C-alpha atoms as a PDB file:
ATOM      1  CA  UNK A   1       7.045 -51.411  32.683  1.00  0.00           C
ATOM      2  CA  UNK A   2       5.861 -54.526  34.512  1.00  0.00           C
ATOM      3  CA  UNK A   3       9.428 -55.885  34.454  1.00  0.00           C
ATOM      4  CA  UNK A   4      10.362 -53.140  36.912  1.00  0.00           C
ATOM      5  CA  UNK A   5       8.325 -54.869  39.620  1.00  0.00           C
ATOM      6  CA  UNK A   6       8.753 -58.511  38.536  1.00  0.00           C
ATOM      7  CA  UNK A   7      10.478 -60.364  41.410  1.00  0.00           C
ATOM      8  CA  UNK A   8      12.544 -62.510  39.027  1.00  0.00           C
ATOM      9  CA  UNK A   9      13.941 -59.384  37.310  1.00  0.00           C
ATOM     10  CA  UNK A  10      15.149 -57.728  40.516  1.00  0.00           C
ATOM     11  CA  UNK A  11      18.723 -56.363  40.185  1.00  0.00           C
ATOM     12  CA  UNK A  12      18.972 -57.486  36.541  1.00  0.00           C
ATOM     13  CA  UNK A  13      18.947 -53.937  35.114  1.00  0.00           C
ATOM     14  CA  UNK A  14      19.416 -50.373  36.324  1.00  0.00           C
ATOM     15  CA  UNK A  15      17.633 -48.367  33.619  1.00  0.00           C
ATOM     16  CA  UNK A  16      14.377 -48.779  31.690  1.00  0.00           C
ATOM     17  CA  UNK A  17      12.609 -47.041  28.776  1.00  0.00           C
ATOM     18  CA  UNK A  18       8.952 -48.184  28.821  1.00  0.00           C
ATOM     19  CA  UNK A  19       7.227 -46.674  25.779  1.00  0.00           C
ATOM     20  CA  UNK A  20       3.428 -46.487  26.038  1.00  0.00           C
ATOM     21  CA  UNK A  21       3.262 -49.340  28.543  1.00  0.00           C
ATOM     22  CA  UNK A  22       1.136 -48.335  31.552  1.00  0.00           C
ATOM     23  CA  UNK A  23       1.772 -50.595  34.532  1.00  0.00           C
ATOM     24  CA  UNK A  24      -1.963 -50.568  35.260  1.00  0.00           C
ATOM     25  CA  UNK A  25      -2.991 -52.262  32.002  1.00  0.00           C
ATOM     26  CA  UNK A  26      -3.160 -55.875  33.148  1.00  0.00           C
ATOM     27  CA  UNK A  27      -5.678 -58.673  33.619  1.00  0.00           C
ATOM     28  CA  UNK A  28      -6.605 -60.667  36.697  1.00  0.00           C
ATOM     29  CA  UNK A  29      -5.823 -64.397  36.890  1.00  0.00           C
ATOM     30  CA  UNK A  30      -9.562 -65.169  36.895  1.00  0.00           C
ATOM     31  CA  UNK A  31     -10.152 -63.435  33.563  1.00  0.00           C
ATOM     32  CA  UNK A  32      -7.057 -64.910  31.931  1.00  0.00           C
ATOM     33  CA  UNK A  33      -7.985 -68.437  33.059  1.00  0.00           C
ATOM     34  CA  UNK A  34     -11.438 -67.969  31.557  1.00  0.00           C
ATOM     35  CA  UNK A  35      -9.981 -66.858  28.221  1.00  0.00           C
ATOM     36  CA  UNK A  36      -7.473 -69.725  28.213  1.00  0.00           C
ATOM     37  CA  UNK A  37     -10.214 -72.266  28.945  1.00  0.00           C
ATOM     38  CA  UNK A  38     -12.324 -70.902  26.106  1.00  0.00           C
ATOM     39  CA  UNK A  39      -9.332 -71.061  23.757  1.00  0.00           C
ATOM     40  CA  UNK A  40      -8.631 -74.687  24.710  1.00  0.00           C
ATOM     41  CA  UNK A  41     -12.276 -75.661  24.281  1.00  0.00           C
ATOM     42  CA  UNK A  42     -12.585 -74.023  20.861  1.00  0.00           C
ATOM     43  CA  UNK A  43      -9.436 -75.886  19.781  1.00  0.00           C
ATOM     44  CA  UNK A  44     -10.868 -79.184  21.013  1.00  0.00           C
ATOM     45  CA  UNK A  45      -7.885 -79.461  23.351  1.00  0.00           C
ATOM     46  CA  UNK A  46      -7.622 -80.598  26.964  1.00  0.00           C
ATOM     47  CA  UNK A  47      -4.101 -79.424  27.726  1.00  0.00           C
ATOM     48  CA  UNK A  48      -0.989 -77.790  26.273  1.00  0.00           C
ATOM     49  CA  UNK A  49       0.193 -81.106  24.867  1.00  0.00           C
ATOM     50  CA  UNK A  50      -2.894 -81.119  22.654  1.00  0.00           C
ATOM     51  CA  UNK A  51      -2.293 -77.485  21.711  1.00  0.00           C
ATOM     52  CA  UNK A  52       1.275 -78.233  20.606  1.00  0.00           C
ATOM     53  CA  UNK A  53      -0.141 -80.516  17.924  1.00  0.00           C
ATOM     54  CA  UNK A  54      -2.055 -77.671  16.295  1.00  0.00           C
ATOM     55  CA  UNK A  55      -0.699 -75.871  13.242  1.00  0.00           C
ATOM     56  CA  UNK A  56      -0.078 -72.145  13.139  1.00  0.00           C
ATOM     57  CA  UNK A  57      -3.067 -71.670  10.843  1.00  0.00           C
ATOM     58  CA  UNK A  58      -5.342 -73.644  13.168  1.00  0.00           C
ATOM     59  CA  UNK A  59      -4.309 -71.596  16.190  1.00  0.00           C
ATOM     60  CA  UNK A  60      -4.681 -68.320  14.320  1.00  0.00           C
ATOM     61  CA  UNK A  61      -8.138 -69.224  13.014  1.00  0.00           C
ATOM     62  CA  UNK A  62      -9.383 -70.168  16.477  1.00  0.00           C
ATOM     63  CA  UNK A  63      -7.878 -66.978  17.896  1.00  0.00           C
ATOM     64  CA  UNK A  64      -9.914 -64.983  15.364  1.00  0.00           C
ATOM     65  CA  UNK A  65     -13.053 -66.962  16.209  1.00  0.00           C
ATOM     66  CA  UNK A  66     -12.534 -66.463  19.952  1.00  0.00           C
ATOM     67  CA  UNK A  67     -11.884 -62.753  19.530  1.00  0.00           C
ATOM     68  CA  UNK A  68     -15.124 -62.387  17.590  1.00  0.00           C
ATOM     69  CA  UNK A  69     -17.042 -64.527  20.092  1.00  0.00           C
ATOM     70  CA  UNK A  70     -15.823 -62.357  22.967  1.00  0.00           C
ATOM     71  CA  UNK A  71     -16.898 -59.174  21.203  1.00  0.00           C
ATOM     72  CA  UNK A  72     -13.439 -58.022  20.163  1.00  0.00           C
ATOM     73  CA  UNK A  73     -12.361 -57.125  23.675  1.00  0.00           C
ATOM     74  CA  UNK A  74      -9.320 -54.952  23.053  1.00  0.00           C
ATOM     75  CA  UNK A  75      -7.555 -55.872  26.290  1.00  0.00           C
ATOM     76  CA  UNK A  76      -8.065 -59.642  26.458  1.00  0.00           C
ATOM     77  CA  UNK A  77      -4.448 -60.407  25.623  1.00  0.00           C
ATOM     78  CA  UNK A  78      -2.495 -58.165  27.961  1.00  0.00           C
ATOM     79  CA  UNK A  79      -0.244 -59.434  30.804  1.00  0.00           C
ATOM     80  CA  UNK A  80      -1.746 -61.306  33.740  1.00  0.00           C
ATOM     81  CA  UNK A  81      -0.748 -60.268  37.242  1.00  0.00           C
ATOM     82  CA  UNK A  82      -0.894 -63.544  39.143  1.00  0.00           C
ATOM     83  CA  UNK A  83       0.867 -62.730  42.418  1.00  0.00           C
ATOM     84  CA  UNK A  84       3.796 -65.026  41.556  1.00  0.00           C
ATOM     85  CA  UNK A  85       5.552 -63.824  38.422  1.00  0.00           C
ATOM     86  CA  UNK A  86       3.985 -60.370  38.635  1.00  0.00           C
ATOM     87  CA  UNK A  87       2.502 -58.678  41.726  1.00  0.00           C
ATOM     88  CA  UNK A  88      -1.286 -58.822  41.979  1.00  0.00           C
ATOM     89  CA  UNK A  89      -1.250 -55.005  42.200  1.00  0.00           C
ATOM     90  CA  UNK A  90       1.804 -53.830  40.233  1.00  0.00           C
ATOM     91  CA  UNK A  91       0.918 -50.159  40.680  1.00  0.00           C
ATOM     92  CA  UNK A  92       1.041 -50.493  44.449  1.00  0.00           C
ATOM     93  CA  UNK A  93       4.287 -52.442  44.179  1.00  0.00           C
ATOM     94  CA  UNK A  94       5.826 -49.597  42.171  1.00  0.00           C
ATOM     95  CA  UNK A  95       4.459 -47.013  44.629  1.00  0.00           C
ATOM     96  CA  UNK A  96       5.970 -48.971  47.520  1.00  0.00           C
ATOM     97  CA  UNK A  97       9.436 -49.020  45.961  1.00  0.00           C
ATOM     98  CA  UNK A  98       9.657 -52.398  44.217  1.00  0.00           C
ATOM     99  CA  UNK A  99      11.740 -50.737  41.467  1.00  0.00           C
ATOM    100  CA  UNK A 100      13.929 -48.761  43.867  1.00  0.00           C
ATOM    101  CA  UNK A 101      17.122 -47.511  42.242  1.00  0.00           C
ATOM    102  CA  UNK A 102      16.035 -48.054  38.631  1.00  0.00           C
ATOM    103  CA  UNK A 103      16.281 -44.955  36.453  1.00  0.00           C
ATOM    104  CA  UNK A 104      13.393 -44.579  34.046  1.00  0.00           C
ATOM    105  CA  UNK A 105      12.622 -42.670  30.852  1.00  0.00           C
ATOM    106  CA  UNK A 106       8.995 -43.137  29.876  1.00  0.00           C
ATOM    107  CA  UNK A 107       5.918 -41.580  28.327  1.00  0.00           C
ATOM    108  CA  UNK A 108       3.063 -42.041  25.903  1.00  0.00           C
ATOM    109  CA  UNK A 109       1.886 -40.764  22.574  1.00  0.00           C
ATOM    110  CA  UNK A 110      -0.776 -38.057  22.711  1.00  0.00           C
ATOM    111  CA  UNK A 111      -3.604 -40.150  21.231  1.00  0.00           C
ATOM    112  CA  UNK A 112      -2.872 -43.796  22.074  1.00  0.00           C
ATOM    113  CA  UNK A 113      -6.364 -45.261  21.565  1.00  0.00           C
ATOM    114  CA  UNK A 114      -6.672 -43.824  18.051  1.00  0.00           C
ATOM    115  CA  UNK A 115      -4.447 -46.607  16.684  1.00  0.00           C
ATOM    116  CA  UNK A 116      -7.403 -48.946  17.052  1.00  0.00           C
ATOM    117  CA  UNK A 117      -9.525 -46.823  14.707  1.00  0.00           C
ATOM    118  CA  UNK A 118      -7.858 -48.928  12.010  1.00  0.00           C
ATOM    119  CA  UNK A 119      -9.778 -51.897  13.416  1.00  0.00           C
ATOM    120  CA  UNK A 120     -13.071 -50.159  14.175  1.00  0.00           C
ATOM    121  CA  UNK A 121     -14.085 -46.807  12.745  1.00  0.00           C
ATOM    122  CA  UNK A 122     -16.646 -46.440  15.541  1.00  0.00           C
ATOM    123  CA  UNK A 123     -14.058 -47.202  18.236  1.00  0.00           C
ATOM    124  CA  UNK A 124     -15.050 -44.404  20.589  1.00  0.00           C
ATOM    125  CA  UNK A 125     -18.695 -45.437  20.400  1.00  0.00           C
ATOM    126  CA  UNK A 126     -17.635 -49.010  21.255  1.00  0.00           C
ATOM    127  CA  UNK A 127     -15.533 -47.838  24.214  1.00  0.00           C
ATOM    128  CA  UNK A 128     -18.416 -45.728  25.456  1.00  0.00           C
ATOM    129  CA  UNK A 129     -21.107 -48.396  25.152  1.00  0.00           C
ATOM    130  CA  UNK A 130     -19.195 -51.055  27.119  1.00  0.00           C
ATOM    131  CA  UNK A 131     -16.411 -49.276  29.013  1.00  0.00           C
ATOM    132  CA  UNK A 132     -15.645 -52.031  31.528  1.00  0.00           C
ATOM    133  CA  UNK A 133     -15.330 -54.535  28.717  1.00  0.00           C
ATOM    134  CA  UNK A 134     -12.414 -52.673  27.160  1.00  0.00           C
ATOM    135  CA  UNK A 135     -10.787 -50.886  30.126  1.00  0.00           C
ATOM    136  CA  UNK A 136      -9.220 -52.977  32.912  1.00  0.00           C
ATOM    137  CA  UNK A 137      -8.918 -49.780  34.946  1.00  0.00           C
ATOM    138  CA  UNK A 138     -12.662 -49.137  34.864  1.00  0.00           C
ATOM    139  CA  UNK A 139     -13.396 -52.838  35.360  1.00  0.00           C
ATOM    140  CA  UNK A 140     -11.443 -52.859  38.635  1.00  0.00           C
ATOM    141  CA  UNK A 141     -12.839 -49.605  40.029  1.00  0.00           C
ATOM    142  CA  UNK A 142     -16.126 -50.071  41.886  1.00  0.00           C
ATOM    143  CA  UNK A 143     -16.896 -46.847  43.790  1.00  0.00           C
ATOM    144  CA  UNK A 144     -18.430 -45.009  40.815  1.00  0.00           C
ATOM    145  CA  UNK A 145     -19.810 -46.082  37.461  1.00  0.00           C
ATOM    146  CA  UNK A 146     -17.861 -45.295  34.274  1.00  0.00           C
ATOM    147  CA  UNK A 147     -20.641 -42.880  33.355  1.00  0.00           C
ATOM    148  CA  UNK A 148     -20.245 -41.004  36.651  1.00  0.00           C
ATOM    149  CA  UNK A 149     -16.481 -40.807  36.206  1.00  0.00           C
ATOM    150  CA  UNK A 150     -16.887 -39.524  32.653  1.00  0.00           C
ATOM    151  CA  UNK A 151     -19.507 -36.905  33.579  1.00  0.00           C
ATOM    152  CA  UNK A 152     -17.311 -35.579  36.386  1.00  0.00           C
ATOM    153  CA  UNK A 153     -14.331 -35.383  34.023  1.00  0.00           C
ATOM    154  CA  UNK A 154     -16.317 -33.515  31.340  1.00  0.00           C
ATOM    155  CA  UNK A 155     -16.402 -30.363  33.488  1.00  0.00           C
ATOM    156  CA  UNK A 156     -17.858 -28.185  30.708  1.00  0.00           C
ATOM    157  CA  UNK A 157     -16.407 -30.073  27.760  1.00  0.00           C
ATOM    158  CA  UNK A 158     -18.886 -30.890  24.954  1.00  0.00           C
ATOM    159  CA  UNK A 159     -20.271 -34.407  25.266  1.00  0.00           C
ATOM    160  CA  UNK A 160     -19.628 -36.511  22.149  1.00  0.00           C
ATOM    161  CA  UNK A 161     -18.105 -39.843  21.154  1.00  0.00           C
ATOM    162  CA  UNK A 162     -14.941 -37.965  20.173  1.00  0.00           C
ATOM    163  CA  UNK A 163     -14.780 -36.405  23.637  1.00  0.00           C
ATOM    164  CA  UNK A 164     -15.296 -39.818  25.200  1.00  0.00           C
ATOM    165  CA  UNK A 165     -12.343 -41.035  23.147  1.00  0.00           C
ATOM    166  CA  UNK A 166     -10.168 -38.333  24.708  1.00  0.00           C
ATOM    167  CA  UNK A 167     -11.442 -39.320  28.161  1.00  0.00           C
ATOM    168  CA  UNK A 168     -10.561 -42.973  27.509  1.00  0.00           C
ATOM    169  CA  UNK A 169      -7.144 -41.956  26.208  1.00  0.00           C
ATOM    170  CA  UNK A 170      -6.471 -39.972  29.365  1.00  0.00           C
ATOM    171  CA  UNK A 171      -7.803 -42.607  31.742  1.00  0.00           C
ATOM    172  CA  UNK A 172      -6.315 -45.738  30.205  1.00  0.00           C
ATOM    173  CA  UNK A 173      -3.007 -44.361  28.960  1.00  0.00           C
ATOM    174  CA  UNK A 174      -1.751 -40.887  29.794  1.00  0.00           C
ATOM    175  CA  UNK A 175      -2.851 -40.558  33.420  1.00  0.00           C
ATOM    176  CA  UNK A 176      -1.751 -44.078  34.311  1.00  0.00           C
ATOM    177  CA  UNK A 177       1.677 -43.634  32.725  1.00  0.00           C
ATOM    178  CA  UNK A 178       2.281 -40.309  34.439  1.00  0.00           C
ATOM    179  CA  UNK A 179       1.070 -41.646  37.785  1.00  0.00           C
ATOM    180  CA  UNK A 180       3.553 -44.513  37.488  1.00  0.00           C
ATOM    181  CA  UNK A 181       6.260 -41.953  36.693  1.00  0.00           C
ATOM    182  CA  UNK A 182       5.321 -40.026  39.837  1.00  0.00           C
ATOM    183  CA  UNK A 183       5.594 -43.185  41.930  1.00  0.00           C
ATOM    184  CA  UNK A 184       9.007 -44.151  40.553  1.00  0.00           C
ATOM    185  CA  UNK A 185      10.389 -40.614  40.815  1.00  0.00           C
ATOM    186  CA  UNK A 186      10.634 -41.131  44.595  1.00  0.00           C
ATOM    187  CA  UNK A 187      13.007 -44.086  44.147  1.00  0.00           C
ATOM    188  CA  UNK A 188      15.071 -43.254  41.055  1.00  0.00           C
ATOM    189  CA  UNK A 189      15.692 -40.554  38.457  1.00  0.00           C
ATOM    190  CA  UNK A 190      12.762 -40.370  36.057  1.00  0.00           C
ATOM    191  CA  UNK A 191      12.239 -38.487  32.799  1.00  0.00           C
ATOM    192  CA  UNK A 192       8.831 -38.133  31.192  1.00  0.00           C
ATOM    193  CA  UNK A 193       7.800 -37.386  27.608  1.00  0.00           C
ATOM    194  CA  UNK A 194       4.745 -36.878  25.423  1.00  0.00           C
ATOM    195  CA  UNK A 195       5.121 -37.884  21.774  1.00  0.00           C
ATOM    196  CA  UNK A 196       2.818 -35.566  19.811  1.00  0.00           C
ATOM    197  CA  UNK A 197       3.942 -36.121  16.197  1.00  0.00           C
ATOM    198  CA  UNK A 198       0.992 -37.119  13.984  1.00  0.00           C
ATOM    199  CA  UNK A 199       0.731 -40.080  11.673  1.00  0.00           C
ATOM    200  CA  UNK A 200       0.402 -39.324   7.974  1.00  0.00           C
ATOM    201  CA  UNK A 201      -3.024 -41.001   8.343  1.00  0.00           C
ATOM    202  CA  UNK A 202      -4.642 -37.878   9.730  1.00  0.00           C
ATOM    203  CA  UNK A 203      -7.420 -39.545  11.697  1.00  0.00           C
ATOM    204  CA  UNK A 204      -4.879 -41.538  13.714  1.00  0.00           C
ATOM    205  CA  UNK A 205      -3.096 -38.406  14.915  1.00  0.00           C
ATOM    206  CA  UNK A 206      -0.409 -39.315  17.470  1.00  0.00           C
ATOM    207  CA  UNK A 207      -1.638 -42.863  17.967  1.00  0.00           C
ATOM    208  CA  UNK A 208      -0.186 -45.870  19.736  1.00  0.00           C
ATOM    209  CA  UNK A 209       3.037 -47.063  18.022  1.00  0.00           C
ATOM    210  CA  UNK A 210       3.506 -43.850  16.007  1.00  0.00           C
ATOM    211  CA  UNK A 211       6.745 -43.272  17.938  1.00  0.00           C
ATOM    212  CA  UNK A 212       8.366 -46.544  16.858  1.00  0.00           C
ATOM    213  CA  UNK A 213       9.204 -45.248  13.376  1.00  0.00           C
ATOM    214  CA  UNK A 214      11.333 -42.611  15.087  1.00  0.00           C
ATOM    215  CA  UNK A 215      12.854 -44.876  17.714  1.00  0.00           C
ATOM    216  CA  UNK A 216      14.162 -47.242  15.031  1.00  0.00           C
ATOM    217  CA  UNK A 217      14.237 -44.894  11.988  1.00  0.00           C
ATOM    218  CA  UNK A 218      12.150 -47.424  10.119  1.00  0.00           C
ATOM    219  CA  UNK A 219       9.109 -46.124   8.240  1.00  0.00           C
ATOM    220  CA  UNK A 220       5.854 -48.055   8.290  1.00  0.00           C
ATOM    221  CA  UNK A 221       2.222 -47.607   7.262  1.00  0.00           C
ATOM    222  CA  UNK A 222       1.648 -45.156  10.145  1.00  0.00           C
ATOM    223  CA  UNK A 223       4.648 -42.955   9.343  1.00  0.00           C
ATOM    224  CA  UNK A 224       6.234 -43.957   5.999  1.00  0.00           C
ATOM    225  CA  UNK A 225       8.969 -41.321   6.073  1.00  0.00           C
ATOM    226  CA  UNK A 226       9.742 -40.134   9.619  1.00  0.00           C
ATOM    227  CA  UNK A 227      11.194 -36.594   9.724  1.00  0.00           C
ATOM    228  CA  UNK A 228      14.883 -37.036  10.397  1.00  0.00           C
ATOM    229  CA  UNK A 229      15.227 -34.164  12.856  1.00  0.00           C
ATOM    230  CA  UNK A 230      12.855 -35.947  15.244  1.00  0.00           C
ATOM    231  CA  UNK A 231      14.526 -39.308  14.575  1.00  0.00           C
ATOM    232  CA  UNK A 232      17.835 -37.763  15.676  1.00  0.00           C
ATOM    233  CA  UNK A 233      16.267 -36.209  18.791  1.00  0.00           C
ATOM    234  CA  UNK A 234      14.595 -39.440  19.883  1.00  0.00           C
ATOM    235  CA  UNK A 235      17.515 -41.743  19.142  1.00  0.00           C
ATOM    236  CA  UNK A 236      20.045 -39.410  20.766  1.00  0.00           C
ATOM    237  CA  UNK A 237      17.850 -39.087  23.871  1.00  0.00           C
ATOM    238  CA  UNK A 238      17.315 -42.827  24.206  1.00  0.00           C
ATOM    239  CA  UNK A 239      21.006 -43.576  23.617  1.00  0.00           C
ATOM    240  CA  UNK A 240      22.168 -40.918  26.084  1.00  0.00           C
ATOM    241  CA  UNK A 241      19.836 -42.264  28.743  1.00  0.00           C
ATOM    242  CA  UNK A 242      20.934 -45.843  28.130  1.00  0.00           C
ATOM    243  CA  UNK A 243      24.583 -44.834  28.428  1.00  0.00           C
ATOM    244  CA  UNK A 244      24.450 -42.334  31.303  1.00  0.00           C
ATOM    245  CA  UNK A 245      20.999 -42.354  32.895  1.00  0.00           C
ATOM    246  CA  UNK A 246      20.388 -38.819  31.591  1.00  0.00           C
ATOM    247  CA  UNK A 247      18.728 -38.154  28.188  1.00  0.00           C
ATOM    248  CA  UNK A 248      20.307 -34.727  27.606  1.00  0.00           C
ATOM    249  CA  UNK A 249      21.864 -34.287  24.159  1.00  0.00           C
ATOM    250  CA  UNK A 250      22.537 -31.636  21.534  1.00  0.00           C
ATOM    251  CA  UNK A 251      19.227 -32.104  19.681  1.00  0.00           C
ATOM    252  CA  UNK A 252      16.825 -31.227  22.526  1.00  0.00           C
ATOM    253  CA  UNK A 253      16.533 -28.616  25.277  1.00  0.00           C
ATOM    254  CA  UNK A 254      17.778 -29.529  28.751  1.00  0.00           C
ATOM    255  CA  UNK A 255      15.529 -32.338  30.011  1.00  0.00           C
ATOM    256  CA  UNK A 256      14.693 -31.877  33.686  1.00  0.00           C
ATOM    257  CA  UNK A 257      13.858 -34.822  35.886  1.00  0.00           C
ATOM    258  CA  UNK A 258      10.224 -35.457  36.741  1.00  0.00           C
ATOM    259  CA  UNK A 259       9.083 -35.176  40.346  1.00  0.00           C
ATOM    260  CA  UNK A 260       5.825 -34.661  42.226  1.00  0.00           C
ATOM    261  CA  UNK A 261       6.817 -31.039  42.828  1.00  0.00           C
ATOM    262  CA  UNK A 262       8.176 -30.434  39.342  1.00  0.00           C
ATOM    263  CA  UNK A 263       6.097 -32.275  36.747  1.00  0.00           C
ATOM    264  CA  UNK A 264       8.272 -31.766  33.681  1.00  0.00           C
ATOM    265  CA  UNK A 265       7.294 -33.337  30.342  1.00  0.00           C
ATOM    266  CA  UNK A 266       9.388 -33.231  27.190  1.00  0.00           C
ATOM    267  CA  UNK A 267       7.045 -32.879  24.229  1.00  0.00           C
ATOM    268  CA  UNK A 268       8.650 -34.627  21.264  1.00  0.00           C
ATOM    269  CA  UNK A 269       7.626 -33.257  17.874  1.00  0.00           C
ATOM    270  CA  UNK A 270       9.359 -32.532  14.564  1.00  0.00           C
ATOM    271  CA  UNK A 271       8.244 -28.890  14.856  1.00  0.00           C
ATOM    272  CA  UNK A 272      10.365 -28.620  17.964  1.00  0.00           C
ATOM    273  CA  UNK A 273      10.958 -30.425  21.235  1.00  0.00           C
ATOM    274  CA  UNK A 274       9.794 -28.393  24.224  1.00  0.00           C
ATOM    275  CA  UNK A 275      10.006 -29.045  27.962  1.00  0.00           C
ATOM    276  CA  UNK A 276       6.636 -28.274  29.542  1.00  0.00           C
ATOM    277  CA  UNK A 277       5.702 -28.101  33.203  1.00  0.00           C
ATOM    278  CA  UNK A 278       2.305 -29.423  34.348  1.00  0.00           C
ATOM    279  CA  UNK A 279       1.375 -30.343  30.774  1.00  0.00           C
ATOM    280  CA  UNK A 280      -1.280 -32.851  31.872  1.00  0.00           C
ATOM    281  CA  UNK A 281      -1.552 -32.206  35.606  1.00  0.00           C
ATOM    282  CA  UNK A 282      -5.205 -31.185  35.378  1.00  0.00           C
ATOM    283  CA  UNK A 283      -6.201 -34.585  33.963  1.00  0.00           C
ATOM    284  CA  UNK A 284      -3.867 -36.388  36.368  1.00  0.00           C
ATOM    285  CA  UNK A 285      -5.521 -34.731  39.350  1.00  0.00           C
ATOM    286  CA  UNK A 286      -9.021 -35.262  37.925  1.00  0.00           C
ATOM    287  CA  UNK A 287      -8.635 -39.014  37.363  1.00  0.00           C
ATOM    288  CA  UNK A 288      -6.020 -40.365  39.755  1.00  0.00           C
ATOM    289  CA  UNK A 289      -8.732 -41.404  42.234  1.00  0.00           C
ATOM    290  CA  UNK A 290      -9.797 -44.110  39.788  1.00  0.00           C
ATOM    291  CA  UNK A 291      -6.352 -45.674  40.246  1.00  0.00           C
ATOM    292  CA  UNK A 292      -5.921 -44.982  43.931  1.00  0.00           C
ATOM    293  CA  UNK A 293      -9.487 -45.098  45.265  1.00  0.00           C
END
């Protein structure tokens, strides 16, 4: 989604399909410089010329060592918004019309963070113990602590690590993606989806990347044999949008455009694709201040 507001990409395309790519998930130049300096130092290198002499195995081994040394920060290696190639505040750029005229089809899976349970079974406990370490959104927001934001969001929900995982999923992924969709809907036709099909690995549910097996009809360890009715619905929708700017096709109900006054979300699932209004508006309204405050 960041390409929509990249100055060098202006006027290069008229349509975009960002899948699970919130525009708010980015690092500051200061953090990225720090990581790069640490990587150079651990490689015994002074500059990129020295780095070019390293083998693939050497670079990979140091990457693993650095990741461990930094406490497995899950968002260390996301794009850097430097003010030159990418705006320092890409969300504001999108809100102000930097992607004016670009039609967009976008959305998330229902349980993005759960993909990383494959790397840490206690993921939600990790996210809860050091929230600013793993969430750039919480790291940038200063008016309230992560704990205060979480307690306000709970609003009667049972407090548990699993519940915190849902909070993190909403804050870092679903709310940010829908907010970006709201911003762009004022400058171009936008269509929004929620991919709710579960992985065959039950604990992962509808995790990050679960939708790719359907986009490309290529089974993997998350979904070895994607149901073909959903493959057809996804591929036909993506192809129709790419060709015409409208995802309507014979395999799904009529897909209405998203707008601030008509928050329509197409839920994509092999049990049936359904257009839902205000599917996640309660969470959007409860957490948008973290992005806009």
